[in-house]
Amino acid sequence: MLDKKLAKIDWENKTALEIKNLIRGLNPIMGAYAILRNKKIKIWKAEVEEGNYEEVENGTIVKVDKKQGIYVKTKQGILHILEVQAENSKRMNVQDYLRGNPINELEKFE
């Protein structure tokens, strides 16, 4: 039985690979989600990238590239977000999302 609590991404304790597998496992049933600016964002597609940003907390957006996507620090590795769905919106690639919803580096997912 899948529980909604399972779908919330745990940035503090999970690696990029574990989060990617959670996203992949919940697609298309319910989608994994994170909270940014007190709004739920479902993440439908992501990849794992290498990188080390020890100076920032897990769940922090370390890079925003309007053509490539959003990069978030995890316990181990970087999660490269490729496809999202904002609250009350449709599923879209991250490039389209960033056109209407600018995100700044060093913002943090809850």
PDB file of N, CA and C in Angstrom:
ATOM      1  N   MET A   1       0.840  -1.181   0.000  1.00  0.00           N
ATOM      2  CA  MET A   1       0.000   0.000   0.000  1.00  0.00           C
ATOM      3  C   MET A   1       0.886   1.245   0.000  1.00  0.00           C
ATOM      4  N   LEU A   2       0.655   2.116  -0.943  1.00  0.00           N
ATOM      5  CA  LEU A   2       1.416   3.365  -0.998  1.00  0.00           C
ATOM      6  C   LEU A   2       0.753   4.406  -0.119  1.00  0.00           C
ATOM      7  N   ASP A   3       1.579   5.141   0.609  1.00  0.00           N
ATOM      8  CA  ASP A   3       1.107   6.158   1.527  1.00  0.00           C
ATOM      9  C   ASP A   3       1.608   7.518   1.053  1.00  0.00           C
ATOM     10  N   LYS A   4       0.809   8.569   1.253  1.00  0.00           N
ATOM     11  CA  LYS A   4       1.222   9.903   0.827  1.00  0.00           C
ATOM     12  C   LYS A   4       2.487  10.362   1.550  1.00  0.00           C
ATOM     13  N   LYS A   5       2.693   9.894   2.769  1.00  0.00           N
ATOM     14  CA  LYS A   5       3.904  10.257   3.517  1.00  0.00           C
ATOM     15  C   LYS A   5       5.154   9.731   2.813  1.00  0.00           C
ATOM     16  N   LEU A   6       5.022   8.610   2.156  1.00  0.00           N
ATOM     17  CA  LEU A   6       6.135   8.010   1.421  1.00  0.00           C
ATOM     18  C   LEU A   6       6.564   8.891   0.252  1.00  0.00           C
ATOM     19  N   ALA A   7       5.640   9.651  -0.323  1.00  0.00           N
ATOM     20  CA  ALA A   7       5.912  10.448  -1.517  1.00  0.00           C
ATOM     21  C   ALA A   7       6.709  11.718  -1.231  1.00  0.00           C
ATOM     22  N   LYS A   8       6.763  12.165   0.025  1.00  0.00           N
ATOM     23  CA  LYS A   8       7.523  13.383   0.349  1.00  0.00           C
ATOM     24  C   LYS A   8       9.012  13.061   0.345  1.00  0.00           C
ATOM     25  N   ILE A   9       9.768  13.863  -0.381  1.00  0.00           N
ATOM     26  CA  ILE A   9      11.209  13.641  -0.522  1.00  0.00           C
ATOM     27  C   ILE A   9      11.931  14.057   0.751  1.00  0.00           C
ATOM     28  N   ASP A  10      12.777  13.180   1.246  1.00  0.00           N
ATOM     29  CA  ASP A  10      13.590  13.424   2.438  1.00  0.00           C
ATOM     30  C   ASP A  10      14.988  13.847   1.986  1.00  0.00           C
ATOM     31  N   TRP A  11      15.180  15.149   1.841  1.00  0.00           N
ATOM     32  CA  TRP A  11      16.451  15.667   1.334  1.00  0.00           C
ATOM     33  C   TRP A  11      17.592  15.447   2.317  1.00  0.00           C
ATOM     34  N   GLU A  12      17.294  15.446   3.613  1.00  0.00           N
ATOM     35  CA  GLU A  12      18.342  15.355   4.631  1.00  0.00           C
ATOM     36  C   GLU A  12      19.000  13.979   4.693  1.00  0.00           C
ATOM     37  N   ASN A  13      18.222  12.931   4.537  1.00  0.00           N
ATOM     38  CA  ASN A  13      18.722  11.585   4.805  1.00  0.00           C
ATOM     39  C   ASN A  13      18.869  10.687   3.593  1.00  0.00           C
ATOM     40  N   LYS A  14      18.440  11.139   2.432  1.00  0.00           N
ATOM     41  CA  LYS A  14      18.487  10.292   1.239  1.00  0.00           C
ATOM     42  C   LYS A  14      19.538  10.790   0.249  1.00  0.00           C
ATOM     43  N   THR A  15      20.115   9.834  -0.468  1.00  0.00           N
ATOM     44  CA  THR A  15      21.087  10.177  -1.510  1.00  0.00           C
ATOM     45  C   THR A  15      20.342  10.528  -2.794  1.00  0.00           C
ATOM     46  N   ALA A  16      21.065  11.099  -3.742  1.00  0.00           N
ATOM     47  CA  ALA A  16      20.462  11.446  -5.030  1.00  0.00           C
ATOM     48  C   ALA A  16      19.904  10.197  -5.720  1.00  0.00           C
ATOM     49  N   LEU A  17      20.620   9.084  -5.631  1.00  0.00           N
ATOM     50  CA  LEU A  17      20.152   7.846  -6.250  1.00  0.00           C
ATOM     51  C   LEU A  17      18.876   7.334  -5.587  1.00  0.00           C
ATOM     52  N   GLU A  18      18.805   7.393  -4.262  1.00  0.00           N
ATOM     53  CA  GLU A  18      17.600   6.952  -3.556  1.00  0.00           C
ATOM     54  C   GLU A  18      16.398   7.828  -3.925  1.00  0.00           C
ATOM     55  N   ILE A  19      16.618   9.124  -4.037  1.00  0.00           N
ATOM     56  CA  ILE A  19      15.530  10.037  -4.404  1.00  0.00           C
ATOM     57  C   ILE A  19      15.096   9.788  -5.848  1.00  0.00           C
ATOM     58  N   LYS A  20      16.051   9.595  -6.740  1.00  0.00           N
ATOM     59  CA  LYS A  20      15.719   9.301  -8.138  1.00  0.00           C
ATOM     60  C   LYS A  20      14.878   8.029  -8.221  1.00  0.00           C
ATOM     61  N   ASN A  21      15.259   7.001  -7.469  1.00  0.00           N
ATOM     62  CA  ASN A  21      14.501   5.749  -7.482  1.00  0.00           C
ATOM     63  C   ASN A  21      13.100   5.930  -6.903  1.00  0.00           C
ATOM     64  N   LEU A  22      12.952   6.784  -5.883  1.00  0.00           N
ATOM     65  CA  LEU A  22      11.632   7.087  -5.328  1.00  0.00           C
ATOM     66  C   LEU A  22      10.767   7.767  -6.389  1.00  0.00           C
ATOM     67  N   ILE A  23      11.337   8.752  -7.076  1.00  0.00           N
ATOM     68  CA  ILE A  23      10.607   9.469  -8.127  1.00  0.00           C
ATOM     69  C   ILE A  23      10.171   8.498  -9.221  1.00  0.00           C
ATOM     70  N   ARG A  24      11.091   7.666  -9.643  1.00  0.00           N
ATOM     71  CA  ARG A  24      10.808   6.697 -10.706  1.00  0.00           C
ATOM     72  C   ARG A  24       9.760   5.674 -10.254  1.00  0.00           C
ATOM     73  N   GLY A  25       9.843   5.255  -9.013  1.00  0.00           N
ATOM     74  CA  GLY A  25       8.919   4.248  -8.488  1.00  0.00           C
ATOM     75  C   GLY A  25       7.496   4.754  -8.314  1.00  0.00           C
ATOM     76  N   LEU A  26       7.342   6.049  -8.043  1.00  0.00           N
ATOM     77  CA  LEU A  26       6.002   6.615  -7.833  1.00  0.00           C
ATOM     78  C   LEU A  26       5.397   7.198  -9.107  1.00  0.00           C
ATOM     79  N   ASN A  27       6.131   7.152 -10.186  1.00  0.00           N
ATOM     80  CA  ASN A  27       5.649   7.663 -11.469  1.00  0.00           C
ATOM     81  C   ASN A  27       4.962   6.528 -12.214  1.00  0.00           C
ATOM     82  N   PRO A  28       3.771   6.611 -12.678  1.00  0.00           N
ATOM     83  CA  PRO A  28       2.831   7.729 -12.740  1.00  0.00           C
ATOM     84  C   PRO A  28       1.762   7.702 -11.660  1.00  0.00           C
ATOM     85  N   ILE A  29       1.902   6.859 -10.665  1.00  0.00           N
ATOM     86  CA  ILE A  29       0.839   6.664  -9.675  1.00  0.00           C
ATOM     87  C   ILE A  29       0.507   7.941  -8.909  1.00  0.00           C
ATOM     88  N   MET A  30       1.480   8.482  -8.184  1.00  0.00           N
ATOM     89  CA  MET A  30       1.192   9.679  -7.385  1.00  0.00           C
ATOM     90  C   MET A  30       2.282  10.735  -7.489  1.00  0.00           C
ATOM     91  N   GLY A  31       3.476  10.357  -7.803  1.00  0.00           N
ATOM     92  CA  GLY A  31       4.566  11.317  -7.915  1.00  0.00           C
ATOM     93  C   GLY A  31       5.171  11.669  -6.576  1.00  0.00           C
ATOM     94  N   ALA A  32       6.479  11.815  -6.565  1.00  0.00           N
ATOM     95  CA  ALA A  32       7.177  12.279  -5.366  1.00  0.00           C
ATOM     96  C   ALA A  32       7.088  13.797  -5.337  1.00  0.00           C
ATOM     97  N   TYR A  33       7.096  14.372  -4.128  1.00  0.00           N
ATOM     98  CA  TYR A  33       6.965  15.821  -4.060  1.00  0.00           C
ATOM     99  C   TYR A  33       7.900  16.423  -3.017  1.00  0.00           C
ATOM    100  N   ALA A  34       8.100  17.734  -3.174  1.00  0.00           N
ATOM    101  CA  ALA A  34       8.873  18.520  -2.220  1.00  0.00           C
ATOM    102  C   ALA A  34       8.147  19.853  -2.045  1.00  0.00           C
ATOM    103  N   ILE A  35       8.478  20.562  -1.000  1.00  0.00           N
ATOM    104  CA  ILE A  35       7.860  21.852  -0.710  1.00  0.00           C
ATOM    105  C   ILE A  35       8.886  22.955  -0.959  1.00  0.00           C
ATOM    106  N   LEU A  36       8.501  23.947  -1.760  1.00  0.00           N
ATOM    107  CA  LEU A  36       9.345  25.111  -2.019  1.00  0.00           C
ATOM    108  C   LEU A  36       8.464  26.338  -1.920  1.00  0.00           C
ATOM    109  N   ARG A  37       8.849  27.286  -1.082  1.00  0.00           N
ATOM    110  CA  ARG A  37       8.062  28.511  -0.854  1.00  0.00           C
ATOM    111  C   ARG A  37       6.634  28.181  -0.407  1.00  0.00           C
ATOM    112  N   ASN A  38       6.513  27.186   0.458  1.00  0.00           N
ATOM    113  CA  ASN A  38       5.230  26.740   1.009  1.00  0.00           C
ATOM    114  C   ASN A  38       4.264  26.204  -0.041  1.00  0.00           C
ATOM    115  N   LYS A  39       4.794  25.775  -1.189  1.00  0.00           N
ATOM    116  CA  LYS A  39       3.956  25.174  -2.225  1.00  0.00           C
ATOM    117  C   LYS A  39       4.525  23.811  -2.608  1.00  0.00           C
ATOM    118  N   LYS A  40       3.617  22.893  -2.859  1.00  0.00           N
ATOM    119  CA  LYS A  40       4.015  21.541  -3.241  1.00  0.00           C
ATOM    120  C   LYS A  40       4.404  21.499  -4.712  1.00  0.00           C
ATOM    121  N   ILE A  41       5.556  20.887  -4.988  1.00  0.00           N
ATOM    122  CA  ILE A  41       6.009  20.675  -6.359  1.00  0.00           C
ATOM    123  C   ILE A  41       6.258  19.183  -6.526  1.00  0.00           C
ATOM    124  N   LYS A  42       5.527  18.567  -7.434  1.00  0.00           N
ATOM    125  CA  LYS A  42       5.768  17.160  -7.731  1.00  0.00           C
ATOM    126  C   LYS A  42       6.929  17.062  -8.706  1.00  0.00           C
ATOM    127  N   ILE A  43       7.788  16.109  -8.466  1.00  0.00           N
ATOM    128  CA  ILE A  43       8.925  15.887  -9.344  1.00  0.00           C
ATOM    129  C   ILE A  43       8.692  14.559 -10.046  1.00  0.00           C
ATOM    130  N   TRP A  44       8.624  14.611 -11.377  1.00  0.00           N
ATOM    131  CA  TRP A  44       8.291  13.436 -12.170  1.00  0.00           C
ATOM    132  C   TRP A  44       9.496  12.779 -12.819  1.00  0.00           C
ATOM    133  N   LYS A  45      10.550  13.537 -13.047  1.00  0.00           N
ATOM    134  CA  LYS A  45      11.724  12.969 -13.707  1.00  0.00           C
ATOM    135  C   LYS A  45      12.972  13.681 -13.198  1.00  0.00           C
ATOM    136  N   ALA A  46      14.008  12.883 -12.908  1.00  0.00           N
ATOM    137  CA  ALA A  46      15.266  13.448 -12.416  1.00  0.00           C
ATOM    138  C   ALA A  46      16.404  12.493 -12.720  1.00  0.00           C
ATOM    139  N   GLU A  47      17.593  13.025 -12.704  1.00  0.00           N
ATOM    140  CA  GLU A  47      18.807  12.245 -12.920  1.00  0.00           C
ATOM    141  C   GLU A  47      19.788  12.524 -11.791  1.00  0.00           C
ATOM    142  N   VAL A  48      20.747  11.647 -11.632  1.00  0.00           N
ATOM    143  CA  VAL A  48      21.777  11.803 -10.616  1.00  0.00           C
ATOM    144  C   VAL A  48      23.017  12.410 -11.257  1.00  0.00           C
ATOM    145  N   GLU A  49      23.592  13.411 -10.596  1.00  0.00           N
ATOM    146  CA  GLU A  49      24.816  14.063 -11.054  1.00  0.00           C
ATOM    147  C   GLU A  49      25.851  13.973  -9.939  1.00  0.00           C
ATOM    148  N   GLU A  50      27.098  13.995 -10.337  1.00  0.00           N
ATOM    149  CA  GLU A  50      28.172  14.035  -9.356  1.00  0.00           C
ATOM    150  C   GLU A  50      28.393  15.486  -8.939  1.00  0.00           C
ATOM    151  N   GLY A  51      28.816  15.675  -7.725  1.00  0.00           N
ATOM    152  CA  GLY A  51      29.103  17.025  -7.247  1.00  0.00           C
ATOM    153  C   GLY A  51      29.200  17.037  -5.751  1.00  0.00           C
ATOM    154  N   ASN A  52      29.909  18.021  -5.250  1.00  0.00           N
ATOM    155  CA  ASN A  52      30.106  18.123  -3.815  1.00  0.00           C
ATOM    156  C   ASN A  52      29.967  19.583  -3.412  1.00  0.00           C
ATOM    157  N   TYR A  53      28.948  19.888  -2.680  1.00  0.00           N
ATOM    158  CA  TYR A  53      28.705  21.236  -2.183  1.00  0.00           C
ATOM    159  C   TYR A  53      28.590  21.141  -0.671  1.00  0.00           C
ATOM    160  N   GLU A  54      29.697  20.917   0.002  1.00  0.00           N
ATOM    161  CA  GLU A  54      29.677  20.717   1.449  1.00  0.00           C
ATOM    162  C   GLU A  54      29.238  21.951   2.213  1.00  0.00           C
ATOM    163  N   GLU A  55      29.378  23.129   1.608  1.00  0.00           N
ATOM    164  CA  GLU A  55      29.079  24.367   2.320  1.00  0.00           C
ATOM    165  C   GLU A  55      27.590  24.670   2.423  1.00  0.00           C
ATOM    166  N   VAL A  56      26.727  23.918   1.708  1.00  0.00           N
ATOM    167  CA  VAL A  56      25.283  24.163   1.770  1.00  0.00           C
ATOM    168  C   VAL A  56      24.561  22.938   2.337  1.00  0.00           C
ATOM    169  N   GLU A  57      23.372  23.178   2.867  1.00  0.00           N
ATOM    170  CA  GLU A  57      22.574  22.110   3.462  1.00  0.00           C
ATOM    171  C   GLU A  57      21.928  21.253   2.386  1.00  0.00           C
ATOM    172  N   ASN A  58      21.603  20.024   2.754  1.00  0.00           N
ATOM    173  CA  ASN A  58      20.875  19.134   1.843  1.00  0.00           C
ATOM    174  C   ASN A  58      19.510  19.746   1.532  1.00  0.00           C
ATOM    175  N   GLY A  59      19.097  19.599   0.282  1.00  0.00           N
ATOM    176  CA  GLY A  59      17.825  20.173  -0.149  1.00  0.00           C
ATOM    177  C   GLY A  59      17.964  21.567  -0.716  1.00  0.00           C
ATOM    178  N   THR A  60      19.181  22.093  -0.743  1.00  0.00           N
ATOM    179  CA  THR A  60      19.432  23.432  -1.268  1.00  0.00           C
ATOM    180  C   THR A  60      19.643  23.377  -2.774  1.00  0.00           C
ATOM    181  N   ILE A  61      19.053  24.310  -3.467  1.00  0.00           N
ATOM    182  CA  ILE A  61      19.235  24.412  -4.918  1.00  0.00           C
ATOM    183  C   ILE A  61      20.601  25.042  -5.162  1.00  0.00           C
ATOM    184  N   VAL A  62      21.493  24.270  -5.778  1.00  0.00           N
ATOM    185  CA  VAL A  62      22.862  24.747  -5.980  1.00  0.00           C
ATOM    186  C   VAL A  62      23.062  25.365  -7.361  1.00  0.00           C
ATOM    187  N   LYS A  63      22.165  25.046  -8.295  1.00  0.00           N
ATOM    188  CA  LYS A  63      22.296  25.607  -9.639  1.00  0.00           C
ATOM    189  C   LYS A  63      20.932  25.602 -10.324  1.00  0.00           C
ATOM    190  N   VAL A  64      20.628  26.690 -11.023  1.00  0.00           N
ATOM    191  CA  VAL A  64      19.416  26.777 -11.828  1.00  0.00           C
ATOM    192  C   VAL A  64      19.851  27.171 -13.236  1.00  0.00           C
ATOM    193  N   ASP A  65      19.566  26.308 -14.183  1.00  0.00           N
ATOM    194  CA  ASP A  65      19.913  26.555 -15.577  1.00  0.00           C
ATOM    195  C   ASP A  65      18.624  26.452 -16.386  1.00  0.00           C
ATOM    196  N   LYS A  66      18.218  27.553 -17.003  1.00  0.00           N
ATOM    197  CA  LYS A  66      16.931  27.586 -17.724  1.00  0.00           C
ATOM    198  C   LYS A  66      16.870  26.597 -18.876  1.00  0.00           C
ATOM    199  N   LYS A  67      18.020  26.158 -19.372  1.00  0.00           N
ATOM    200  CA  LYS A  67      18.039  25.189 -20.468  1.00  0.00           C
ATOM    201  C   LYS A  67      18.227  23.759 -19.970  1.00  0.00           C
ATOM    202  N   GLN A  68      18.918  23.577 -18.851  1.00  0.00           N
ATOM    203  CA  GLN A  68      19.254  22.238 -18.365  1.00  0.00           C
ATOM    204  C   GLN A  68      18.358  21.761 -17.227  1.00  0.00           C
ATOM    205  N   GLY A  69      18.005  22.642 -16.295  1.00  0.00           N
ATOM    206  CA  GLY A  69      17.164  22.220 -15.186  1.00  0.00           C
ATOM    207  C   GLY A  69      17.614  22.763 -13.851  1.00  0.00           C
ATOM    208  N   ILE A  70      17.127  22.122 -12.800  1.00  0.00           N
ATOM    209  CA  ILE A  70      17.394  22.522 -11.423  1.00  0.00           C
ATOM    210  C   ILE A  70      18.267  21.456 -10.780  1.00  0.00           C
ATOM    211  N   TYR A  71      19.291  21.868 -10.061  1.00  0.00           N
ATOM    212  CA  TYR A  71      20.224  20.957  -9.405  1.00  0.00           C
ATOM    213  C   TYR A  71      20.127  21.152  -7.894  1.00  0.00           C
ATOM    214  N   VAL A  72      19.869  20.052  -7.177  1.00  0.00           N
ATOM    215  CA  VAL A  72      19.636  20.122  -5.738  1.00  0.00           C
ATOM    216  C   VAL A  72      20.623  19.215  -5.008  1.00  0.00           C
ATOM    217  N   LYS A  73      21.212  19.730  -3.935  1.00  0.00           N
ATOM    218  CA  LYS A  73      22.154  18.940  -3.134  1.00  0.00           C
ATOM    219  C   LYS A  73      21.384  17.932  -2.288  1.00  0.00           C
ATOM    220  N   THR A  74      21.903  16.717  -2.240  1.00  0.00           N
ATOM    221  CA  THR A  74      21.328  15.668  -1.395  1.00  0.00           C
ATOM    222  C   THR A  74      22.404  15.181  -0.427  1.00  0.00           C
ATOM    223  N   LYS A  75      22.087  14.163   0.330  1.00  0.00           N
ATOM    224  CA  LYS A  75      23.067  13.588   1.273  1.00  0.00           C
ATOM    225  C   LYS A  75      24.337  13.160   0.544  1.00  0.00           C
ATOM    226  N   GLN A  76      24.158  12.599  -0.637  1.00  0.00           N
ATOM    227  CA  GLN A  76      25.300  12.196  -1.462  1.00  0.00           C
ATOM    228  C   GLN A  76      24.932  12.410  -2.924  1.00  0.00           C
ATOM    229  N   GLY A  77      25.598  13.327  -3.577  1.00  0.00           N
ATOM    230  CA  GLY A  77      25.342  13.612  -4.978  1.00  0.00           C
ATOM    231  C   GLY A  77      24.354  14.749  -5.176  1.00  0.00           C
ATOM    232  N   ILE A  78      24.127  15.047  -6.440  1.00  0.00           N
ATOM    233  CA  ILE A  78      23.235  16.136  -6.844  1.00  0.00           C
ATOM    234  C   ILE A  78      22.073  15.537  -7.637  1.00  0.00           C
ATOM    235  N   LEU A  79      20.859  15.973  -7.318  1.00  0.00           N
ATOM    236  CA  LEU A  79      19.688  15.550  -8.069  1.00  0.00           C
ATOM    237  C   LEU A  79      19.397  16.604  -9.130  1.00  0.00           C
ATOM    238  N   HIS A  80      19.391  16.188 -10.380  1.00  0.00           N
ATOM    239  CA  HIS A  80      19.126  17.070 -11.522  1.00  0.00           C
ATOM    240  C   HIS A  80      17.656  16.886 -11.892  1.00  0.00           C
ATOM    241  N   ILE A  81      16.840  17.874 -11.593  1.00  0.00           N
ATOM    242  CA  ILE A  81      15.397  17.796 -11.821  1.00  0.00           C
ATOM    243  C   ILE A  81      15.079  18.185 -13.262  1.00  0.00           C
ATOM    244  N   LEU A  82      14.301  17.327 -13.939  1.00  0.00           N
ATOM    245  CA  LEU A  82      14.008  17.513 -15.356  1.00  0.00           C
ATOM    246  C   LEU A  82      12.536  17.764 -15.673  1.00  0.00           C
ATOM    247  N   GLU A  83      11.632  17.226 -14.838  1.00  0.00           N
ATOM    248  CA  GLU A  83      10.202  17.364 -15.119  1.00  0.00           C
ATOM    249  C   GLU A  83       9.450  17.547 -13.809  1.00  0.00           C
ATOM    250  N   VAL A  84       8.569  18.566 -13.754  1.00  0.00           N
ATOM    251  CA  VAL A  84       7.878  18.914 -12.517  1.00  0.00           C
ATOM    252  C   VAL A  84       6.398  19.196 -12.773  1.00  0.00           C
ATOM    253  N   GLN A  85       5.678  19.357 -11.666  1.00  0.00           N
ATOM    254  CA  GLN A  85       4.276  19.763 -11.722  1.00  0.00           C
ATOM    255  C   GLN A  85       4.006  20.627 -10.504  1.00  0.00           C
ATOM    256  N   ALA A  86       3.665  21.879 -10.741  1.00  0.00           N
ATOM    257  CA  ALA A  86       3.332  22.793  -9.649  1.00  0.00           C
ATOM    258  C   ALA A  86       1.913  22.506  -9.165  1.00  0.00           C
ATOM    259  N   GLU A  87       1.581  23.045  -7.995  1.00  0.00           N
ATOM    260  CA  GLU A  87       0.225  22.896  -7.476  1.00  0.00           C
ATOM    261  C   GLU A  87      -0.778  23.437  -8.486  1.00  0.00           C
ATOM    262  N   ASN A  88      -1.855  22.725  -8.689  1.00  0.00           N
ATOM    263  CA  ASN A  88      -2.939  23.137  -9.593  1.00  0.00           C
ATOM    264  C   ASN A  88      -2.440  23.452 -10.999  1.00  0.00           C
ATOM    265  N   SER A  89      -1.478  22.697 -11.449  1.00  0.00           N
ATOM    266  CA  SER A  89      -0.910  22.913 -12.768  1.00  0.00           C
ATOM    267  C   SER A  89      -0.723  21.569 -13.448  1.00  0.00           C
ATOM    268  N   LYS A  90      -0.324  21.605 -14.694  1.00  0.00           N
ATOM    269  CA  LYS A  90      -0.076  20.366 -15.412  1.00  0.00           C
ATOM    270  C   LYS A  90       1.402  19.989 -15.324  1.00  0.00           C
ATOM    271  N   ARG A  91       1.675  18.775 -15.659  1.00  0.00           N
ATOM    272  CA  ARG A  91       3.034  18.256 -15.689  1.00  0.00           C
ATOM    273  C   ARG A  91       3.792  18.918 -16.852  1.00  0.00           C
ATOM    274  N   MET A  92       5.049  19.353 -16.597  1.00  0.00           N
ATOM    275  CA  MET A  92       5.810  20.030 -17.645  1.00  0.00           C
ATOM    276  C   MET A  92       7.308  19.840 -17.438  1.00  0.00           C
ATOM    277  N   ASN A  93       8.066  20.046 -18.517  1.00  0.00           N
ATOM    278  CA  ASN A  93       9.510  19.967 -18.341  1.00  0.00           C
ATOM    279  C   ASN A  93       9.958  21.193 -17.559  1.00  0.00           C
ATOM    280  N   VAL A  94      11.091  21.075 -16.925  1.00  0.00           N
ATOM    281  CA  VAL A  94      11.539  22.119 -16.006  1.00  0.00           C
ATOM    282  C   VAL A  94      11.836  23.439 -16.721  1.00  0.00           C
ATOM    283  N   GLN A  95      12.207  23.387 -17.997  1.00  0.00           N
ATOM    284  CA  GLN A  95      12.454  24.616 -18.748  1.00  0.00           C
ATOM    285  C   GLN A  95      11.180  25.462 -18.841  1.00  0.00           C
ATOM    286  N   ASP A  96      10.052  24.820 -19.135  1.00  0.00           N
ATOM    287  CA  ASP A  96       8.781  25.536 -19.198  1.00  0.00           C
ATOM    288  C   ASP A  96       8.381  26.070 -17.824  1.00  0.00           C
ATOM    289  N   TYR A  97       8.612  25.281 -16.793  1.00  0.00           N
ATOM    290  CA  TYR A  97       8.290  25.696 -15.430  1.00  0.00           C
ATOM    291  C   TYR A  97       9.089  26.940 -15.038  1.00  0.00           C
ATOM    292  N   LEU A  98      10.372  26.957 -15.362  1.00  0.00           N
ATOM    293  CA  LEU A  98      11.234  28.077 -14.978  1.00  0.00           C
ATOM    294  C   LEU A  98      10.879  29.371 -15.720  1.00  0.00           C
ATOM    295  N   ARG A  99      10.261  29.270 -16.874  1.00  0.00           N
ATOM    296  CA  ARG A  99       9.847  30.486 -17.598  1.00  0.00           C
ATOM    297  C   ARG A  99       8.821  31.282 -16.798  1.00  0.00           C
ATOM    298  N   GLY A 100       7.919  30.586 -16.147  1.00  0.00           N
ATOM    299  CA  GLY A 100       6.872  31.268 -15.391  1.00  0.00           C
ATOM    300  C   GLY A 100       7.101  31.306 -13.896  1.00  0.00           C
ATOM    301  N   ASN A 101       8.073  30.563 -13.414  1.00  0.00           N
ATOM    302  CA  ASN A 101       8.333  30.464 -11.978  1.00  0.00           C
ATOM    303  C   ASN A 101       9.828  30.545 -11.711  1.00  0.00           C
ATOM    304  N   PRO A 102      10.390  31.740 -11.727  1.00  0.00           N
ATOM    305  CA  PRO A 102      11.827  31.834 -11.510  1.00  0.00           C
ATOM    306  C   PRO A 102      12.216  31.319 -10.125  1.00  0.00           C
ATOM    307  N   ILE A 103      13.294  30.571 -10.095  1.00  0.00           N
ATOM    308  CA  ILE A 103      13.829  30.023  -8.848  1.00  0.00           C
ATOM    309  C   ILE A 103      15.259  30.517  -8.715  1.00  0.00           C
ATOM    310  N   ASN A 104      15.638  30.855  -7.498  1.00  0.00           N
ATOM    311  CA  ASN A 104      16.982  31.353  -7.238  1.00  0.00           C
ATOM    312  C   ASN A 104      17.864  30.254  -6.654  1.00  0.00           C
ATOM    313  N   GLU A 105      19.138  30.328  -6.957  1.00  0.00           N
ATOM    314  CA  GLU A 105      20.093  29.424  -6.320  1.00  0.00           C
ATOM    315  C   GLU A 105      20.102  29.720  -4.818  1.00  0.00           C
ATOM    316  N   LEU A 106      20.383  28.709  -4.055  1.00  0.00           N
ATOM    317  CA  LEU A 106      20.459  28.722  -2.591  1.00  0.00           C
ATOM    318  C   LEU A 106      19.098  28.766  -1.915  1.00  0.00           C
ATOM    319  N   GLU A 107      17.993  28.658  -2.691  1.00  0.00           N
ATOM    320  CA  GLU A 107      16.693  28.424  -2.065  1.00  0.00           C
ATOM    321  C   GLU A 107      16.694  26.979  -1.595  1.00  0.00           C
ATOM    322  N   LYS A 108      15.857  26.656  -0.625  1.00  0.00           N
ATOM    323  CA  LYS A 108      15.909  25.318  -0.037  1.00  0.00           C
ATOM    324  C   LYS A 108      14.534  24.660  -0.071  1.00  0.00           C
ATOM    325  N   PHE A 109      14.517  23.397  -0.514  1.00  0.00           N
ATOM    326  CA  PHE A 109      13.315  22.580  -0.432  1.00  0.00           C
ATOM    327  C   PHE A 109      13.135  22.129   1.000  1.00  0.00           C
ATOM    328  N   GLU A 110      11.872  22.031   1.447  1.00  0.00           N
ATOM    329  CA  GLU A 110      11.573  21.508   2.790  1.00  0.00           C
ATOM    330  C   GLU A 110      11.451  20.011   2.725  1.00  0.00           C
TER     331      GLU A 110
END
